[in-house]
Amino acid sequence: MSIDSLKSRIPDFAKDVRLNLSALASDETLTEQQKYGLMVACGIASRNPEVRAALELEAAPHLTPVALAAAKAAATIMGMNNIYYRFTHLVSNDEYRTLPAKLRMNVIGNPGVDKIDFELWALAVSAINGCGACMDSHEAVVRKGNVPVEAIQAAVRFAAIIQSAAIALEAAEAA
């Protein structure tokens, strides 16, 4: 399934989602690797098999095998980190923030692609997963890497659009 076939499955009540999906590939704010890596990482984070498959198929011709693996790694490592750090951020007991996480996160230090691209993918996945502490951390890294605010906004917009596509498909199935 491609992004076009995914759009054809989006119901009429979510026409805006179809239109927004159409805009992803033509975004000029991000590099090609950033854009297609976001599709893969956010598709995985959406936890919707149709969305994930369509976006990975769309992205595969535009990413090296290393970049494809790194986008998958960003979604995976943030799946773990977003749970842990959201807990330490939201729980009332401050003591948890003083304890070592004891979680392996080597891929963050050596993702195999440009560190800024990986951090941008991690930021978008963290937005989907709702971890404010992780969003703050990754946003600070990409800002320090001189990523324009418009590119950061575009990454989060990708996350929002991709997540809304997953929700639209689920809502259509529930009807």
N, C-alpha and C. Protein backbone atom coordinates (compact mmCIF):
# COMPACT_ATOMS: atom_id res chain seq x y z
N MET A 1 0.85 -1.18 0.00
CA MET A 1 0.00 0.00 0.00
C MET A 1 0.89 1.24 0.00
N SER A 2 0.60 2.17 -0.89
CA SER A 2 1.34 3.43 -0.98
C SER A 2 0.58 4.52 -0.23
N ILE A 3 1.18 5.69 -0.20
CA ILE A 3 0.51 6.82 0.45
C ILE A 3 -0.77 7.18 -0.30
N ASP A 4 -0.77 7.01 -1.63
CA ASP A 4 -1.98 7.29 -2.40
C ASP A 4 -3.10 6.31 -2.06
N SER A 5 -2.76 5.04 -1.92
CA SER A 5 -3.80 4.08 -1.53
C SER A 5 -4.25 4.31 -0.09
N LEU A 6 -3.33 4.76 0.76
CA LEU A 6 -3.71 5.12 2.13
C LEU A 6 -4.71 6.26 2.12
N LYS A 7 -4.44 7.28 1.32
CA LYS A 7 -5.37 8.41 1.22
C LYS A 7 -6.74 7.95 0.73
N SER A 8 -6.78 6.98 -0.17
CA SER A 8 -8.06 6.51 -0.69
C SER A 8 -8.87 5.78 0.38
N ARG A 9 -8.20 5.30 1.42
CA ARG A 9 -8.89 4.61 2.52
C ARG A 9 -9.39 5.57 3.61
N ILE A 10 -8.94 6.82 3.54
CA ILE A 10 -9.37 7.80 4.54
C ILE A 10 -10.81 8.21 4.21
N PRO A 11 -11.73 8.08 5.15
CA PRO A 11 -13.14 8.38 4.89
C PRO A 11 -13.40 9.88 4.66
N ASP A 12 -14.54 10.16 4.09
CA ASP A 12 -14.90 11.54 3.76
C ASP A 12 -14.95 12.46 4.98
N PHE A 13 -15.33 11.91 6.14
CA PHE A 13 -15.39 12.77 7.32
C PHE A 13 -14.00 13.27 7.72
N ALA A 14 -12.96 12.67 7.15
CA ALA A 14 -11.59 13.07 7.45
C ALA A 14 -10.88 13.60 6.19
N LYS A 15 -11.63 14.30 5.37
CA LYS A 15 -11.09 14.84 4.13
C LYS A 15 -9.84 15.70 4.38
N ASP A 16 -9.85 16.46 5.46
CA ASP A 16 -8.69 17.28 5.80
C ASP A 16 -7.44 16.43 6.00
N VAL A 17 -7.62 15.25 6.56
CA VAL A 17 -6.48 14.34 6.76
C VAL A 17 -5.91 13.92 5.40
N ARG A 18 -6.79 13.59 4.45
CA ARG A 18 -6.33 13.24 3.09
C ARG A 18 -5.53 14.38 2.48
N LEU A 19 -6.06 15.60 2.60
CA LEU A 19 -5.36 16.75 2.04
C LEU A 19 -4.01 16.97 2.72
N ASN A 20 -3.98 16.81 4.02
CA ASN A 20 -2.73 16.97 4.74
C ASN A 20 -1.71 15.89 4.38
N LEU A 21 -2.17 14.66 4.20
CA LEU A 21 -1.28 13.58 3.77
C LEU A 21 -0.66 13.90 2.41
N SER A 22 -1.47 14.50 1.54
CA SER A 22 -0.98 14.87 0.21
C SER A 22 0.18 15.85 0.28
N ALA A 23 0.20 16.66 1.30
CA ALA A 23 1.22 17.71 1.43
C ALA A 23 2.55 17.20 1.97
N LEU A 24 2.58 16.01 2.56
CA LEU A 24 3.81 15.54 3.20
C LEU A 24 4.97 15.44 2.21
N ALA A 25 4.76 14.74 1.12
CA ALA A 25 5.86 14.49 0.19
C ALA A 25 6.36 15.77 -0.48
N SER A 26 5.51 16.77 -0.57
CA SER A 26 5.92 18.00 -1.25
C SER A 26 6.50 19.05 -0.29
N ASP A 27 6.62 18.72 0.98
CA ASP A 27 7.18 19.66 1.95
C ASP A 27 8.60 20.02 1.55
N GLU A 28 8.90 21.31 1.54
CA GLU A 28 10.23 21.79 1.16
C GLU A 28 11.00 22.35 2.35
N THR A 29 10.43 22.24 3.53
CA THR A 29 11.08 22.75 4.74
C THR A 29 12.18 21.81 5.22
N LEU A 30 12.00 20.52 4.94
CA LEU A 30 12.89 19.48 5.45
C LEU A 30 13.73 18.89 4.32
N THR A 31 14.85 18.29 4.68
CA THR A 31 15.63 17.55 3.69
C THR A 31 14.86 16.27 3.34
N GLU A 32 15.25 15.65 2.24
CA GLU A 32 14.59 14.41 1.84
C GLU A 32 14.73 13.34 2.92
N GLN A 33 15.92 13.18 3.48
CA GLN A 33 16.12 12.18 4.52
C GLN A 33 15.27 12.49 5.75
N GLN A 34 15.22 13.76 6.15
CA GLN A 34 14.40 14.12 7.30
C GLN A 34 12.94 13.79 7.05
N LYS A 35 12.45 14.18 5.89
CA LYS A 35 11.04 14.01 5.53
C LYS A 35 10.64 12.53 5.51
N TYR A 36 11.39 11.73 4.80
CA TYR A 36 11.02 10.32 4.66
C TYR A 36 11.32 9.52 5.93
N GLY A 37 12.34 9.94 6.68
CA GLY A 37 12.58 9.32 7.98
C GLY A 37 11.44 9.61 8.95
N LEU A 38 10.90 10.83 8.87
CA LEU A 38 9.73 11.17 9.69
C LEU A 38 8.54 10.28 9.34
N MET A 39 8.35 10.05 8.05
CA MET A 39 7.24 9.18 7.64
C MET A 39 7.37 7.80 8.28
N VAL A 40 8.57 7.24 8.23
CA VAL A 40 8.79 5.91 8.80
C VAL A 40 8.63 5.92 10.31
N ALA A 41 9.33 6.81 10.98
CA ALA A 41 9.30 6.83 12.46
C ALA A 41 7.90 7.12 12.98
N CYS A 42 7.22 8.10 12.39
CA CYS A 42 5.87 8.44 12.86
C CYS A 42 4.86 7.38 12.46
N GLY A 43 5.06 6.76 11.31
CA GLY A 43 4.18 5.66 10.92
C GLY A 43 4.23 4.53 11.93
N ILE A 44 5.43 4.19 12.37
CA ILE A 44 5.59 3.16 13.40
C ILE A 44 4.94 3.61 14.70
N ALA A 45 5.21 4.86 15.09
CA ALA A 45 4.68 5.38 16.36
C ALA A 45 3.16 5.46 16.36
N SER A 46 2.56 5.56 15.18
CA SER A 46 1.09 5.62 15.11
C SER A 46 0.45 4.31 15.55
N ARG A 47 1.22 3.25 15.53
CA ARG A 47 0.77 1.91 15.92
C ARG A 47 -0.37 1.38 15.04
N ASN A 48 -0.46 1.92 13.82
CA ASN A 48 -1.47 1.45 12.88
C ASN A 48 -0.75 0.73 11.75
N PRO A 49 -1.00 -0.57 11.58
CA PRO A 49 -0.26 -1.34 10.56
C PRO A 49 -0.42 -0.81 9.14
N GLU A 50 -1.61 -0.32 8.79
CA GLU A 50 -1.81 0.21 7.44
C GLU A 50 -1.01 1.49 7.22
N VAL A 51 -1.05 2.37 8.18
CA VAL A 51 -0.31 3.63 8.08
C VAL A 51 1.18 3.34 8.03
N ARG A 52 1.64 2.49 8.93
CA ARG A 52 3.07 2.14 8.96
C ARG A 52 3.53 1.57 7.63
N ALA A 53 2.79 0.60 7.10
CA ALA A 53 3.18 -0.05 5.85
C ALA A 53 3.18 0.93 4.67
N ALA A 54 2.15 1.75 4.59
CA ALA A 54 2.05 2.70 3.47
C ALA A 54 3.19 3.72 3.50
N LEU A 55 3.50 4.23 4.67
CA LEU A 55 4.54 5.24 4.76
C LEU A 55 5.93 4.65 4.59
N GLU A 56 6.13 3.44 5.06
CA GLU A 56 7.43 2.80 4.84
C GLU A 56 7.63 2.50 3.36
N LEU A 57 6.59 2.06 2.69
CA LEU A 57 6.67 1.82 1.25
C LEU A 57 6.96 3.11 0.49
N GLU A 58 6.32 4.18 0.91
CA GLU A 58 6.55 5.49 0.29
C GLU A 58 7.98 5.97 0.51
N ALA A 59 8.50 5.73 1.70
CA ALA A 59 9.81 6.25 2.08
C ALA A 59 10.98 5.41 1.58
N ALA A 60 10.79 4.12 1.45
CA ALA A 60 11.90 3.20 1.15
C ALA A 60 12.75 3.63 -0.04
N PRO A 61 12.17 4.06 -1.17
CA PRO A 61 13.03 4.45 -2.29
C PRO A 61 13.86 5.72 -2.04
N HIS A 62 13.52 6.46 -1.00
CA HIS A 62 14.18 7.74 -0.73
C HIS A 62 15.20 7.66 0.40
N LEU A 63 15.28 6.52 1.06
CA LEU A 63 16.18 6.36 2.20
C LEU A 63 17.17 5.23 1.93
N THR A 64 18.38 5.41 2.41
CA THR A 64 19.34 4.32 2.37
C THR A 64 18.89 3.26 3.39
N PRO A 65 19.36 2.03 3.26
CA PRO A 65 19.01 1.04 4.30
C PRO A 65 19.41 1.48 5.70
N VAL A 66 20.52 2.19 5.81
CA VAL A 66 20.97 2.68 7.12
C VAL A 66 20.00 3.73 7.66
N ALA A 67 19.55 4.64 6.81
CA ALA A 67 18.61 5.67 7.25
C ALA A 67 17.26 5.05 7.60
N LEU A 68 16.82 4.07 6.84
CA LEU A 68 15.56 3.38 7.15
C LEU A 68 15.65 2.70 8.52
N ALA A 69 16.76 2.04 8.77
CA ALA A 69 16.97 1.40 10.08
C ALA A 69 17.02 2.43 11.20
N ALA A 70 17.64 3.58 10.94
CA ALA A 70 17.74 4.63 11.96
C ALA A 70 16.37 5.21 12.28
N ALA A 71 15.51 5.38 11.28
CA ALA A 71 14.16 5.88 11.52
C ALA A 71 13.37 4.89 12.37
N LYS A 72 13.55 3.61 12.08
CA LYS A 72 12.89 2.57 12.89
C LYS A 72 13.44 2.59 14.31
N ALA A 73 14.74 2.80 14.42
CA ALA A 73 15.37 2.86 15.75
C ALA A 73 14.86 4.06 16.55
N ALA A 74 14.65 5.19 15.87
CA ALA A 74 14.13 6.37 16.56
C ALA A 74 12.76 6.09 17.16
N ALA A 75 11.89 5.44 16.38
CA ALA A 75 10.56 5.10 16.89
C ALA A 75 10.66 4.12 18.05
N THR A 76 11.54 3.17 17.92
CA THR A 76 11.68 2.13 18.95
C THR A 76 12.24 2.67 20.25
N ILE A 77 13.34 3.41 20.16
CA ILE A 77 13.97 3.91 21.39
C ILE A 77 13.08 4.93 22.09
N MET A 78 12.35 5.72 21.30
CA MET A 78 11.43 6.68 21.92
C MET A 78 10.23 5.98 22.53
N GLY A 79 9.84 4.83 21.98
CA GLY A 79 8.78 4.06 22.62
C GLY A 79 9.13 3.73 24.06
N MET A 80 10.39 3.43 24.28
CA MET A 80 10.87 3.13 25.64
C MET A 80 11.07 4.42 26.44
N ASN A 81 11.83 5.34 25.89
CA ASN A 81 12.17 6.56 26.63
C ASN A 81 10.95 7.41 26.96
N ASN A 82 10.00 7.50 26.04
CA ASN A 82 8.82 8.34 26.29
C ASN A 82 8.02 7.83 27.47
N ILE A 83 7.93 6.53 27.64
CA ILE A 83 7.22 5.98 28.80
C ILE A 83 7.99 6.33 30.08
N TYR A 84 9.28 6.03 30.08
CA TYR A 84 10.07 6.24 31.28
C TYR A 84 10.13 7.72 31.69
N TYR A 85 10.49 8.58 30.74
CA TYR A 85 10.67 9.98 31.10
C TYR A 85 9.34 10.72 31.30
N ARG A 86 8.29 10.27 30.66
CA ARG A 86 6.98 10.85 30.95
C ARG A 86 6.59 10.52 32.39
N PHE A 87 6.88 9.30 32.82
CA PHE A 87 6.62 8.91 34.21
C PHE A 87 7.40 9.80 35.18
N THR A 88 8.72 9.92 34.95
CA THR A 88 9.53 10.71 35.89
C THR A 88 9.12 12.18 35.89
N HIS A 89 8.62 12.65 34.76
CA HIS A 89 8.20 14.05 34.66
C HIS A 89 6.84 14.29 35.34
N LEU A 90 5.94 13.32 35.25
CA LEU A 90 4.57 13.53 35.72
C LEU A 90 4.31 13.08 37.16
N VAL A 91 5.09 12.13 37.63
CA VAL A 91 4.85 11.62 38.98
C VAL A 91 5.24 12.69 40.01
N SER A 92 4.50 12.75 41.08
CA SER A 92 4.73 13.78 42.10
C SER A 92 6.02 13.58 42.87
N ASN A 93 6.49 12.37 42.97
CA ASN A 93 7.69 12.08 43.74
C ASN A 93 8.93 12.44 42.92
N ASP A 94 9.61 13.52 43.29
CA ASP A 94 10.80 14.00 42.59
C ASP A 94 11.99 13.05 42.67
N GLU A 95 11.95 12.12 43.60
CA GLU A 95 13.08 11.21 43.80
C GLU A 95 13.38 10.39 42.53
N TYR A 96 12.36 10.06 41.75
CA TYR A 96 12.59 9.26 40.54
C TYR A 96 13.48 9.97 39.54
N ARG A 97 13.43 11.31 39.52
CA ARG A 97 14.26 12.07 38.58
C ARG A 97 15.73 12.05 38.97
N THR A 98 16.04 11.68 40.21
CA THR A 98 17.43 11.64 40.67
C THR A 98 18.07 10.27 40.44
N LEU A 99 17.27 9.28 40.11
CA LEU A 99 17.78 7.92 39.92
C LEU A 99 18.26 7.72 38.49
N PRO A 100 19.31 6.91 38.30
CA PRO A 100 19.74 6.62 36.92
C PRO A 100 18.65 5.81 36.20
N ALA A 101 18.46 6.10 34.93
CA ALA A 101 17.41 5.42 34.16
C ALA A 101 17.71 3.94 33.97
N LYS A 102 18.97 3.57 33.84
CA LYS A 102 19.39 2.19 33.61
C LYS A 102 18.73 1.60 32.36
N LEU A 103 18.61 2.42 31.33
CA LEU A 103 18.07 2.00 30.04
C LEU A 103 19.17 2.16 29.00
N ARG A 104 19.36 1.14 28.19
CA ARG A 104 20.34 1.25 27.10
C ARG A 104 19.77 2.15 26.02
N MET A 105 20.57 3.15 25.62
CA MET A 105 20.15 4.11 24.60
C MET A 105 21.31 4.44 23.67
N ASN A 106 22.15 3.48 23.38
CA ASN A 106 23.35 3.72 22.57
C ASN A 106 23.02 4.28 21.19
N VAL A 107 21.88 3.90 20.63
CA VAL A 107 21.53 4.35 19.28
C VAL A 107 21.39 5.87 19.20
N ILE A 108 21.04 6.50 20.30
CA ILE A 108 20.92 7.96 20.29
C ILE A 108 22.28 8.60 20.05
N GLY A 109 23.32 8.05 20.62
CA GLY A 109 24.67 8.58 20.44
C GLY A 109 25.28 8.23 19.10
N ASN A 110 24.85 7.12 18.51
CA ASN A 110 25.41 6.67 17.24
C ASN A 110 24.30 6.06 16.37
N PRO A 111 23.44 6.92 15.80
CA PRO A 111 22.28 6.41 15.06
C PRO A 111 22.60 5.93 13.64
N GLY A 112 23.80 6.23 13.13
CA GLY A 112 24.16 5.82 11.78
C GLY A 112 23.80 6.85 10.72
N VAL A 113 23.07 7.88 11.10
CA VAL A 113 22.70 8.99 10.21
C VAL A 113 23.07 10.29 10.92
N ASP A 114 22.89 11.38 10.22
CA ASP A 114 23.14 12.69 10.83
C ASP A 114 22.38 12.79 12.15
N LYS A 115 23.08 13.17 13.19
CA LYS A 115 22.49 13.24 14.54
C LYS A 115 21.25 14.15 14.57
N ILE A 116 21.30 15.25 13.84
CA ILE A 116 20.17 16.18 13.82
C ILE A 116 18.93 15.52 13.22
N ASP A 117 19.10 14.75 12.15
CA ASP A 117 17.96 14.05 11.54
C ASP A 117 17.34 13.09 12.55
N PHE A 118 18.19 12.31 13.21
CA PHE A 118 17.69 11.35 14.20
C PHE A 118 16.96 12.06 15.34
N GLU A 119 17.51 13.16 15.80
CA GLU A 119 16.89 13.93 16.89
C GLU A 119 15.54 14.50 16.45
N LEU A 120 15.44 14.92 15.20
CA LEU A 120 14.18 15.44 14.67
C LEU A 120 13.12 14.33 14.64
N TRP A 121 13.53 13.13 14.24
CA TRP A 121 12.60 11.98 14.24
C TRP A 121 12.19 11.65 15.67
N ALA A 122 13.15 11.67 16.59
CA ALA A 122 12.85 11.38 18.00
C ALA A 122 11.89 12.42 18.58
N LEU A 123 12.07 13.67 18.20
CA LEU A 123 11.17 14.73 18.64
C LEU A 123 9.74 14.47 18.16
N ALA A 124 9.59 14.14 16.89
CA ALA A 124 8.25 13.90 16.33
C ALA A 124 7.58 12.69 17.00
N VAL A 125 8.32 11.63 17.20
CA VAL A 125 7.77 10.45 17.88
C VAL A 125 7.38 10.80 19.31
N SER A 126 8.21 11.60 19.97
CA SER A 126 7.89 12.03 21.34
C SER A 126 6.62 12.86 21.38
N ALA A 127 6.38 13.65 20.33
CA ALA A 127 5.13 14.41 20.25
C ALA A 127 3.94 13.46 20.14
N ILE A 128 4.06 12.44 19.31
CA ILE A 128 2.98 11.45 19.20
C ILE A 128 2.73 10.77 20.53
N ASN A 129 3.81 10.42 21.21
CA ASN A 129 3.69 9.69 22.48
C ASN A 129 3.42 10.60 23.68
N GLY A 130 3.45 11.90 23.48
CA GLY A 130 3.07 12.84 24.53
C GLY A 130 4.06 12.97 25.68
N CYS A 131 5.34 12.88 25.39
CA CYS A 131 6.33 13.03 26.45
C CYS A 131 6.95 14.42 26.39
N GLY A 132 6.50 15.30 27.27
CA GLY A 132 6.99 16.67 27.30
C GLY A 132 8.48 16.77 27.62
N ALA A 133 8.95 15.94 28.52
CA ALA A 133 10.37 15.98 28.87
C ALA A 133 11.23 15.61 27.66
N CYS A 134 10.81 14.60 26.91
CA CYS A 134 11.57 14.19 25.72
C CYS A 134 11.46 15.24 24.61
N MET A 135 10.27 15.81 24.46
CA MET A 135 10.12 16.87 23.45
C MET A 135 11.07 18.03 23.76
N ASP A 136 11.11 18.45 25.02
CA ASP A 136 12.01 19.54 25.41
C ASP A 136 13.47 19.18 25.12
N SER A 137 13.86 17.98 25.47
CA SER A 137 15.24 17.54 25.28
C SER A 137 15.63 17.51 23.81
N HIS A 138 14.81 16.89 22.97
CA HIS A 138 15.14 16.76 21.54
C HIS A 138 15.02 18.11 20.81
N GLU A 139 14.07 18.93 21.22
CA GLU A 139 13.92 20.25 20.61
C GLU A 139 15.16 21.09 20.91
N ALA A 140 15.69 20.98 22.12
CA ALA A 140 16.90 21.73 22.47
C ALA A 140 18.10 21.28 21.63
N VAL A 141 18.21 19.99 21.39
CA VAL A 141 19.33 19.48 20.59
C VAL A 141 19.23 19.99 19.15
N VAL A 142 18.05 19.91 18.56
CA VAL A 142 17.94 20.35 17.16
C VAL A 142 18.09 21.87 17.05
N ARG A 143 17.62 22.61 18.01
CA ARG A 143 17.82 24.06 18.00
C ARG A 143 19.31 24.39 18.11
N LYS A 144 20.01 23.65 18.98
CA LYS A 144 21.45 23.85 19.13
C LYS A 144 22.17 23.50 17.81
N GLY A 145 21.58 22.60 17.04
CA GLY A 145 22.13 22.23 15.74
C GLY A 145 21.70 23.17 14.62
N ASN A 146 21.16 24.32 15.00
CA ASN A 146 20.76 25.37 14.05
C ASN A 146 19.63 24.96 13.11
N VAL A 147 18.77 24.07 13.56
CA VAL A 147 17.59 23.73 12.77
C VAL A 147 16.58 24.86 12.93
N PRO A 148 16.10 25.40 11.82
CA PRO A 148 15.12 26.50 11.92
C PRO A 148 13.82 26.05 12.60
N VAL A 149 13.20 26.98 13.26
CA VAL A 149 11.93 26.71 13.94
C VAL A 149 10.91 26.14 12.95
N GLU A 150 10.93 26.62 11.72
CA GLU A 150 9.97 26.14 10.71
C GLU A 150 10.18 24.66 10.40
N ALA A 151 11.40 24.18 10.43
CA ALA A 151 11.67 22.76 10.19
C ALA A 151 11.21 21.92 11.38
N ILE A 152 11.41 22.44 12.57
CA ILE A 152 10.94 21.74 13.77
C ILE A 152 9.42 21.66 13.75
N GLN A 153 8.80 22.77 13.42
CA GLN A 153 7.33 22.78 13.31
C GLN A 153 6.87 21.78 12.25
N ALA A 154 7.57 21.71 11.13
CA ALA A 154 7.20 20.78 10.06
C ALA A 154 7.29 19.33 10.56
N ALA A 155 8.32 19.02 11.34
CA ALA A 155 8.46 17.66 11.86
C ALA A 155 7.29 17.30 12.76
N VAL A 156 6.88 18.23 13.60
CA VAL A 156 5.75 17.96 14.49
C VAL A 156 4.44 17.93 13.69
N ARG A 157 4.37 18.72 12.64
CA ARG A 157 3.20 18.67 11.75
C ARG A 157 3.10 17.29 11.10
N PHE A 158 4.22 16.73 10.66
CA PHE A 158 4.22 15.37 10.11
C PHE A 158 3.65 14.40 11.14
N ALA A 159 4.12 14.51 12.37
CA ALA A 159 3.62 13.63 13.44
C ALA A 159 2.11 13.77 13.60
N ALA A 160 1.63 15.00 13.61
CA ALA A 160 0.20 15.24 13.79
C ALA A 160 -0.62 14.67 12.64
N ILE A 161 -0.16 14.87 11.42
CA ILE A 161 -0.88 14.38 10.25
C ILE A 161 -0.90 12.86 10.22
N ILE A 162 0.24 12.26 10.47
CA ILE A 162 0.34 10.79 10.44
C ILE A 162 -0.51 10.17 11.54
N GLN A 163 -0.48 10.75 12.73
CA GLN A 163 -1.31 10.22 13.81
C GLN A 163 -2.80 10.39 13.48
N SER A 164 -3.16 11.51 12.85
CA SER A 164 -4.57 11.72 12.51
C SER A 164 -5.02 10.74 11.44
N ALA A 165 -4.13 10.33 10.55
CA ALA A 165 -4.49 9.31 9.55
C ALA A 165 -4.80 7.98 10.23
N ALA A 166 -4.00 7.62 11.21
CA ALA A 166 -4.26 6.38 11.96
C ALA A 166 -5.60 6.45 12.68
N ILE A 167 -5.90 7.58 13.27
CA ILE A 167 -7.17 7.75 13.99
C ILE A 167 -8.35 7.71 13.02
N ALA A 168 -8.19 8.33 11.86
CA ALA A 168 -9.26 8.32 10.85
C ALA A 168 -9.57 6.90 10.40
N LEU A 169 -8.55 6.10 10.17
CA LEU A 169 -8.76 4.72 9.76
C LEU A 169 -9.46 3.91 10.86
N GLU A 170 -9.04 4.14 12.09
CA GLU A 170 -9.67 3.43 13.21
C GLU A 170 -11.14 3.87 13.37
N ALA A 171 -11.40 5.14 13.20
CA ALA A 171 -12.77 5.64 13.32
C ALA A 171 -13.64 5.06 12.21
N ALA A 172 -13.10 4.92 11.02
CA ALA A 172 -13.86 4.37 9.89
C ALA A 172 -14.19 2.90 10.14
N GLU A 173 -13.25 2.16 10.74
CA GLU A 173 -13.49 0.75 11.04
C GLU A 173 -14.53 0.57 12.14
N ALA A 174 -14.58 1.52 13.05
CA ALA A 174 -15.53 1.44 14.17
C ALA A 174 -16.96 1.76 13.75
N ALA A 175 -17.09 2.43 12.62
CA ALA A 175 -18.43 2.85 12.16
C ALA A 175 -19.25 1.71 11.60
